[in-house]
Every structure is written in structure tokens, then in C-alpha cells.
Amino acid sequence: MSATVTNTLTITSSNLTTDVISLSVVNTMASATQGGMTRQKIVGIAPGSAVVIADEDLYTPGAKIWLYNPSTATTNEKIYVSFDSTTDQIILSGGDWAIIPWSASGSGTPVDLEAWSEVTNNILEFGIFN
């Protein structure tokens, strides 16, 4: 069974620049066959103790990932997300989110999606749709 997943991003401002900004982008994945939303407690506080949040063996190129740090703290609760097990390619402060495409490989080499945090037991909400 497949499902339709629609991502919509809208950015508007009437006073950021001299021109009004009004941007809306819609991306529809009409045949998502796997994935869903979940919350993961991030116990690792360094790349070497990162939590695998998505096993590359389960996904194929074209997967979309939604990441969200629900913390309300403004400092010291960042979550780091990595595609290569060592580098923090995405840094989410409290309240930050991201929607990204994921190929489930890095430079042709399969890689898991991993996360670690500045503090133990921080929560990461994420969804993967493929």
C-alpha cells in the first residue's frame, strides 16, 4: 500500500526587505510505501556514541527526512545529525527543524543517519518517508 505525503513550506514577510516576500513550495511524494513519524531519545553526547536513527539498508535514494528538536531551551540542547558517522552536517537548536532529501549513501557508500546531542536524553522527532 502506498500513501501520499505532502510537504509545504511557506515564507512570508511584509517588512524584511523593501519588497514583500511571499514564497510557497509544495512537494508531493505520491507513492510513499514506508516510513512514518517517531520520537527518539538521544543518549549519546559525541559522534562515537551517536544513536542510529535510520538504517541505510531500509531506505533507497529519494527518501525525505523531517527532523525537529522540540526543546524550548535556547542553549545547550543542540542535536547534531550526521550522514558520515563523524561530522555534524545538520545542527538543530531548540525549536529548529529541517526537511531534507536523503540518498541513504554518501559518495556512493551506504551510511546510516545518526544523531547525538549536547545533553543526554534530549529528544529528536523525525519522520522518514520513502
N, C-alpha and C. Protein backbone atom coordinates (compact mmCIF):
# COMPACT_ATOMS: atom_id res chain seq x y z
N MET A 1 0.84 -1.18 0.00
CA MET A 1 0.00 0.00 0.00
C MET A 1 0.89 1.24 0.00
N SER A 2 0.54 2.22 -0.79
CA SER A 2 1.32 3.46 -0.81
C SER A 2 0.46 4.61 -0.29
N ALA A 3 1.14 5.63 0.18
CA ALA A 3 0.46 6.81 0.73
C ALA A 3 1.00 8.06 0.05
N THR A 4 0.25 9.12 0.12
CA THR A 4 0.70 10.41 -0.39
C THR A 4 1.17 11.25 0.79
N VAL A 5 2.38 11.79 0.68
CA VAL A 5 2.94 12.66 1.71
C VAL A 5 3.23 14.00 1.04
N THR A 6 2.67 15.08 1.60
CA THR A 6 2.85 16.41 1.02
C THR A 6 3.58 17.30 2.01
N ASN A 7 4.68 17.90 1.56
CA ASN A 7 5.43 18.89 2.35
C ASN A 7 5.14 20.26 1.77
N THR A 8 4.79 21.22 2.63
CA THR A 8 4.56 22.58 2.19
C THR A 8 5.40 23.53 3.03
N LEU A 9 6.15 24.38 2.39
CA LEU A 9 6.95 25.39 3.06
C LEU A 9 6.48 26.75 2.57
N THR A 10 6.09 27.62 3.51
CA THR A 10 5.63 28.96 3.16
C THR A 10 6.45 29.98 3.93
N ILE A 11 7.00 30.95 3.22
CA ILE A 11 7.77 32.03 3.83
C ILE A 11 7.13 33.34 3.38
N THR A 12 6.73 34.16 4.35
CA THR A 12 6.15 35.47 4.03
C THR A 12 6.71 36.53 4.95
N SER A 13 6.85 37.73 4.43
CA SER A 13 7.26 38.88 5.23
C SER A 13 6.89 40.15 4.47
N SER A 14 6.34 41.11 5.20
CA SER A 14 6.00 42.38 4.56
C SER A 14 7.00 43.48 4.90
N ASN A 15 7.95 43.19 5.81
CA ASN A 15 8.86 44.25 6.23
C ASN A 15 10.32 43.82 6.38
N LEU A 16 10.69 42.66 5.85
CA LEU A 16 12.08 42.23 5.93
C LEU A 16 12.95 42.96 4.90
N THR A 17 12.40 43.17 3.72
CA THR A 17 13.09 43.89 2.66
C THR A 17 12.15 44.97 2.13
N THR A 18 12.61 45.71 1.16
CA THR A 18 11.73 46.74 0.58
C THR A 18 10.60 46.12 -0.23
N ASP A 19 10.78 44.88 -0.67
CA ASP A 19 9.72 44.17 -1.38
C ASP A 19 9.07 43.17 -0.43
N VAL A 20 7.81 42.90 -0.66
CA VAL A 20 7.09 41.88 0.11
C VAL A 20 7.60 40.51 -0.32
N ILE A 21 7.85 39.64 0.65
CA ILE A 21 8.27 38.27 0.35
C ILE A 21 7.07 37.35 0.53
N SER A 22 6.81 36.56 -0.48
CA SER A 22 5.74 35.59 -0.41
C SER A 22 6.16 34.38 -1.24
N LEU A 23 6.58 33.33 -0.56
CA LEU A 23 7.11 32.15 -1.22
C LEU A 23 6.42 30.93 -0.66
N SER A 24 5.98 30.06 -1.54
CA SER A 24 5.37 28.80 -1.11
C SER A 24 5.84 27.70 -2.04
N VAL A 25 6.35 26.61 -1.44
CA VAL A 25 6.84 25.48 -2.21
C VAL A 25 6.11 24.24 -1.71
N VAL A 26 5.58 23.47 -2.63
CA VAL A 26 4.87 22.24 -2.29
C VAL A 26 5.59 21.08 -2.96
N ASN A 27 5.87 20.04 -2.18
CA ASN A 27 6.49 18.84 -2.70
C ASN A 27 5.60 17.67 -2.32
N THR A 28 5.17 16.90 -3.30
CA THR A 28 4.29 15.78 -3.03
C THR A 28 4.98 14.48 -3.41
N MET A 29 5.04 13.57 -2.45
CA MET A 29 5.54 12.22 -2.70
C MET A 29 4.29 11.35 -2.80
N ALA A 30 3.92 11.00 -4.03
CA ALA A 30 2.63 10.34 -4.27
C ALA A 30 2.64 8.85 -3.98
N SER A 31 3.79 8.25 -3.82
CA SER A 31 3.79 6.81 -3.64
C SER A 31 4.73 6.37 -2.52
N ALA A 32 4.66 7.02 -1.38
CA ALA A 32 5.47 6.61 -0.23
C ALA A 32 4.97 5.25 0.24
N THR A 33 5.87 4.30 0.34
CA THR A 33 5.48 2.94 0.74
C THR A 33 6.01 2.55 2.11
N GLN A 34 6.87 3.36 2.68
CA GLN A 34 7.38 3.05 4.01
C GLN A 34 7.74 4.33 4.74
N GLY A 35 7.81 4.23 6.05
CA GLY A 35 8.22 5.37 6.86
C GLY A 35 7.16 5.75 7.86
N GLY A 36 7.36 6.88 8.47
CA GLY A 36 6.45 7.39 9.47
C GLY A 36 7.17 8.32 10.42
N MET A 37 6.46 8.77 11.45
CA MET A 37 6.99 9.72 12.42
C MET A 37 7.30 9.00 13.72
N THR A 38 8.34 9.47 14.41
CA THR A 38 8.70 8.89 15.70
C THR A 38 9.47 9.90 16.54
N ARG A 39 9.60 9.60 17.83
CA ARG A 39 10.42 10.39 18.75
C ARG A 39 11.52 9.48 19.26
N GLN A 40 12.74 10.00 19.31
CA GLN A 40 13.89 9.20 19.74
C GLN A 40 14.64 9.95 20.83
N LYS A 41 14.88 9.28 21.95
CA LYS A 41 15.72 9.86 23.00
C LYS A 41 17.17 9.73 22.55
N ILE A 42 17.89 10.84 22.52
CA ILE A 42 19.28 10.85 22.09
C ILE A 42 20.16 10.80 23.34
N VAL A 43 20.78 9.66 23.58
CA VAL A 43 21.58 9.49 24.79
C VAL A 43 23.05 9.80 24.56
N GLY A 44 23.53 9.68 23.33
CA GLY A 44 24.93 9.94 23.04
C GLY A 44 25.23 11.43 23.00
N ILE A 45 26.40 11.79 23.50
CA ILE A 45 26.79 13.21 23.50
C ILE A 45 28.06 13.46 22.69
N ALA A 46 28.40 12.51 21.83
CA ALA A 46 29.56 12.66 20.95
C ALA A 46 29.36 11.76 19.74
N PRO A 47 30.04 12.06 18.62
CA PRO A 47 29.86 11.23 17.43
C PRO A 47 30.08 9.74 17.68
N GLY A 48 31.04 9.39 18.52
CA GLY A 48 31.33 7.99 18.81
C GLY A 48 30.22 7.28 19.56
N SER A 49 29.32 8.04 20.18
CA SER A 49 28.21 7.43 20.92
C SER A 49 26.86 7.80 20.30
N ALA A 50 26.89 8.15 19.01
CA ALA A 50 25.67 8.57 18.31
C ALA A 50 24.65 7.44 18.24
N VAL A 51 23.38 7.83 18.17
CA VAL A 51 22.27 6.90 18.03
C VAL A 51 21.93 6.79 16.54
N VAL A 52 21.81 5.58 16.02
CA VAL A 52 21.38 5.39 14.64
C VAL A 52 19.88 5.62 14.59
N ILE A 53 19.47 6.63 13.85
CA ILE A 53 18.04 6.92 13.74
C ILE A 53 17.44 6.39 12.44
N ALA A 54 18.28 6.05 11.48
CA ALA A 54 17.79 5.44 10.24
C ALA A 54 18.88 4.55 9.66
N ASP A 55 18.57 3.31 9.47
CA ASP A 55 19.49 2.34 8.89
C ASP A 55 19.40 2.44 7.37
N GLU A 56 20.52 2.72 6.74
CA GLU A 56 20.53 2.91 5.29
C GLU A 56 20.05 1.69 4.53
N ASP A 57 20.14 0.51 5.12
CA ASP A 57 19.69 -0.70 4.44
C ASP A 57 18.18 -0.71 4.21
N LEU A 58 17.44 0.10 4.96
CA LEU A 58 15.98 0.09 4.89
C LEU A 58 15.41 1.11 3.91
N TYR A 59 16.26 1.97 3.36
CA TYR A 59 15.75 3.06 2.52
C TYR A 59 16.51 3.13 1.21
N THR A 60 15.92 3.79 0.23
CA THR A 60 16.53 3.95 -1.09
C THR A 60 16.64 5.44 -1.41
N PRO A 61 17.44 5.80 -2.40
CA PRO A 61 17.52 7.20 -2.79
C PRO A 61 16.12 7.78 -3.06
N GLY A 62 15.93 9.01 -2.64
CA GLY A 62 14.65 9.66 -2.82
C GLY A 62 13.87 9.80 -1.52
N ALA A 63 14.36 9.19 -0.45
CA ALA A 63 13.68 9.31 0.84
C ALA A 63 13.71 10.77 1.29
N LYS A 64 12.66 11.19 1.98
CA LYS A 64 12.59 12.53 2.55
C LYS A 64 12.62 12.38 4.07
N ILE A 65 13.38 13.25 4.74
CA ILE A 65 13.52 13.18 6.19
C ILE A 65 13.09 14.51 6.79
N TRP A 66 12.27 14.42 7.84
CA TRP A 66 11.87 15.59 8.62
C TRP A 66 12.51 15.43 9.99
N LEU A 67 13.24 16.46 10.44
CA LEU A 67 13.93 16.46 11.73
C LEU A 67 13.45 17.65 12.55
N TYR A 68 13.26 17.44 13.86
CA TYR A 68 12.77 18.53 14.72
C TYR A 68 13.31 18.35 16.13
N ASN A 69 13.89 19.41 16.67
CA ASN A 69 14.33 19.43 18.07
C ASN A 69 13.26 20.18 18.86
N PRO A 70 12.40 19.46 19.61
CA PRO A 70 11.29 20.11 20.31
C PRO A 70 11.69 20.84 21.58
N SER A 71 12.97 20.86 21.92
CA SER A 71 13.41 21.55 23.14
C SER A 71 13.06 23.03 23.07
N THR A 72 12.70 23.60 24.21
CA THR A 72 12.43 25.03 24.28
C THR A 72 13.65 25.79 24.80
N ALA A 73 14.71 25.07 25.14
CA ALA A 73 15.94 25.71 25.62
C ALA A 73 16.62 26.45 24.48
N THR A 74 17.16 27.60 24.76
CA THR A 74 17.83 28.37 23.71
C THR A 74 19.32 28.04 23.61
N THR A 75 19.86 27.39 24.63
CA THR A 75 21.27 26.99 24.59
C THR A 75 21.42 25.59 25.18
N ASN A 76 22.52 24.95 24.86
CA ASN A 76 22.94 23.69 25.46
C ASN A 76 22.03 22.48 25.20
N GLU A 77 21.14 22.55 24.25
CA GLU A 77 20.35 21.37 23.92
C GLU A 77 20.31 21.14 22.41
N LYS A 78 21.43 21.41 21.76
CA LYS A 78 21.52 21.18 20.31
C LYS A 78 21.57 19.69 20.03
N ILE A 79 21.01 19.33 18.88
CA ILE A 79 21.10 17.97 18.37
C ILE A 79 21.89 18.02 17.08
N TYR A 80 22.83 17.09 16.94
CA TYR A 80 23.69 17.02 15.77
C TYR A 80 23.31 15.78 14.96
N VAL A 81 23.13 15.96 13.65
CA VAL A 81 22.76 14.85 12.77
C VAL A 81 23.88 14.66 11.76
N SER A 82 24.24 13.40 11.53
CA SER A 82 25.36 13.08 10.66
C SER A 82 24.99 12.04 9.61
N PHE A 83 25.59 12.20 8.44
CA PHE A 83 25.45 11.23 7.37
C PHE A 83 26.72 10.43 7.16
N ASP A 84 27.76 10.72 7.96
CA ASP A 84 29.03 10.01 7.77
C ASP A 84 29.63 9.50 9.08
N SER A 85 28.86 9.49 10.14
CA SER A 85 29.26 8.96 11.45
C SER A 85 30.27 9.81 12.21
N THR A 86 30.73 10.90 11.63
CA THR A 86 31.74 11.70 12.33
C THR A 86 31.47 13.20 12.32
N THR A 87 30.83 13.71 11.28
CA THR A 87 30.67 15.14 11.11
C THR A 87 29.22 15.55 11.35
N ASP A 88 29.02 16.67 12.04
CA ASP A 88 27.67 17.17 12.28
C ASP A 88 27.22 18.03 11.09
N GLN A 89 26.59 17.37 10.11
CA GLN A 89 26.13 18.09 8.92
C GLN A 89 24.91 18.96 9.19
N ILE A 90 24.07 18.56 10.14
CA ILE A 90 22.89 19.35 10.50
C ILE A 90 22.93 19.60 12.00
N ILE A 91 22.79 20.86 12.41
CA ILE A 91 22.76 21.23 13.82
C ILE A 91 21.40 21.86 14.11
N LEU A 92 20.65 21.23 15.02
CA LEU A 92 19.32 21.71 15.37
C LEU A 92 19.32 22.26 16.80
N SER A 93 19.16 23.56 16.94
CA SER A 93 18.97 24.16 18.26
C SER A 93 17.51 23.92 18.65
N GLY A 94 17.17 24.22 19.90
CA GLY A 94 15.80 24.04 20.35
C GLY A 94 14.82 24.76 19.44
N GLY A 95 13.79 24.06 18.98
CA GLY A 95 12.78 24.63 18.09
C GLY A 95 13.12 24.56 16.62
N ASP A 96 14.36 24.22 16.27
CA ASP A 96 14.77 24.14 14.86
C ASP A 96 14.25 22.86 14.21
N TRP A 97 14.04 22.92 12.90
CA TRP A 97 13.59 21.77 12.14
C TRP A 97 14.24 21.81 10.76
N ALA A 98 14.17 20.69 10.06
CA ALA A 98 14.71 20.61 8.70
C ALA A 98 13.95 19.53 7.93
N ILE A 99 13.77 19.76 6.65
CA ILE A 99 13.26 18.74 5.74
C ILE A 99 14.31 18.58 4.65
N ILE A 100 14.79 17.35 4.47
CA ILE A 100 15.89 17.14 3.53
C ILE A 100 15.66 15.86 2.72
N PRO A 101 16.21 15.81 1.52
CA PRO A 101 16.23 14.54 0.79
C PRO A 101 17.40 13.70 1.31
N TRP A 102 17.26 12.39 1.25
CA TRP A 102 18.33 11.50 1.73
C TRP A 102 18.52 10.39 0.73
N SER A 103 19.76 10.18 0.32
CA SER A 103 20.05 9.14 -0.66
C SER A 103 20.42 7.82 -0.01
N ALA A 104 20.54 7.80 1.32
CA ALA A 104 20.94 6.60 2.06
C ALA A 104 22.35 6.16 1.69
N SER A 105 23.13 7.09 1.14
CA SER A 105 24.53 6.80 0.86
C SER A 105 25.29 8.11 0.81
N GLY A 106 26.57 8.04 1.07
CA GLY A 106 27.43 9.21 0.98
C GLY A 106 28.52 8.95 -0.03
N SER A 107 28.56 9.68 -1.09
CA SER A 107 29.55 9.49 -2.16
C SER A 107 29.55 8.05 -2.65
N GLY A 108 28.35 7.46 -2.74
CA GLY A 108 28.24 6.09 -3.23
C GLY A 108 28.40 5.02 -2.17
N THR A 109 28.77 5.42 -0.94
CA THR A 109 28.96 4.47 0.15
C THR A 109 27.75 4.52 1.07
N PRO A 110 27.12 3.38 1.37
CA PRO A 110 25.96 3.39 2.27
C PRO A 110 26.32 3.94 3.65
N VAL A 111 25.47 4.82 4.17
CA VAL A 111 25.69 5.38 5.51
C VAL A 111 24.36 5.49 6.25
N ASP A 112 24.42 5.18 7.54
CA ASP A 112 23.26 5.34 8.39
C ASP A 112 23.11 6.81 8.76
N LEU A 113 21.91 7.20 9.13
CA LEU A 113 21.65 8.54 9.64
C LEU A 113 21.78 8.45 11.16
N GLU A 114 22.68 9.24 11.74
CA GLU A 114 22.97 9.17 13.17
C GLU A 114 22.78 10.53 13.83
N ALA A 115 22.55 10.52 15.15
CA ALA A 115 22.37 11.76 15.89
C ALA A 115 22.99 11.66 17.28
N TRP A 116 23.50 12.78 17.76
CA TRP A 116 23.95 12.92 19.13
C TRP A 116 23.57 14.30 19.62
N SER A 117 23.70 14.54 20.91
CA SER A 117 23.18 15.77 21.50
C SER A 117 24.21 16.39 22.44
N GLU A 118 24.00 17.67 22.76
CA GLU A 118 24.85 18.32 23.76
C GLU A 118 24.57 17.80 25.15
N VAL A 119 23.34 17.37 25.39
CA VAL A 119 22.97 16.83 26.71
C VAL A 119 22.34 15.46 26.51
N THR A 120 22.55 14.58 27.46
CA THR A 120 21.97 13.25 27.34
C THR A 120 20.45 13.30 27.51
N ASN A 121 19.77 12.42 26.82
CA ASN A 121 18.32 12.27 26.87
C ASN A 121 17.54 13.40 26.22
N ASN A 122 18.17 14.16 25.33
CA ASN A 122 17.43 15.13 24.54
C ASN A 122 16.55 14.34 23.56
N ILE A 123 15.45 14.92 23.12
CA ILE A 123 14.50 14.25 22.24
C ILE A 123 14.63 14.79 20.82
N LEU A 124 14.65 13.88 19.85
CA LEU A 124 14.60 14.24 18.43
C LEU A 124 13.33 13.64 17.85
N GLU A 125 12.51 14.48 17.24
CA GLU A 125 11.35 13.99 16.50
C GLU A 125 11.76 13.93 15.03
N PHE A 126 11.42 12.82 14.37
CA PHE A 126 11.79 12.72 12.96
C PHE A 126 10.82 11.83 12.21
N GLY A 127 10.78 12.06 10.93
CA GLY A 127 9.98 11.23 10.05
C GLY A 127 10.79 10.92 8.80
N ILE A 128 10.65 9.71 8.32
CA ILE A 128 11.31 9.31 7.08
C ILE A 128 10.25 8.71 6.19
N PHE A 129 10.22 9.17 4.96
CA PHE A 129 9.22 8.70 4.01
C PHE A 129 9.94 8.29 2.73
N ASN A 130 9.65 7.09 2.26
CA ASN A 130 10.34 6.53 1.10
C ASN A 130 9.34 5.84 0.21
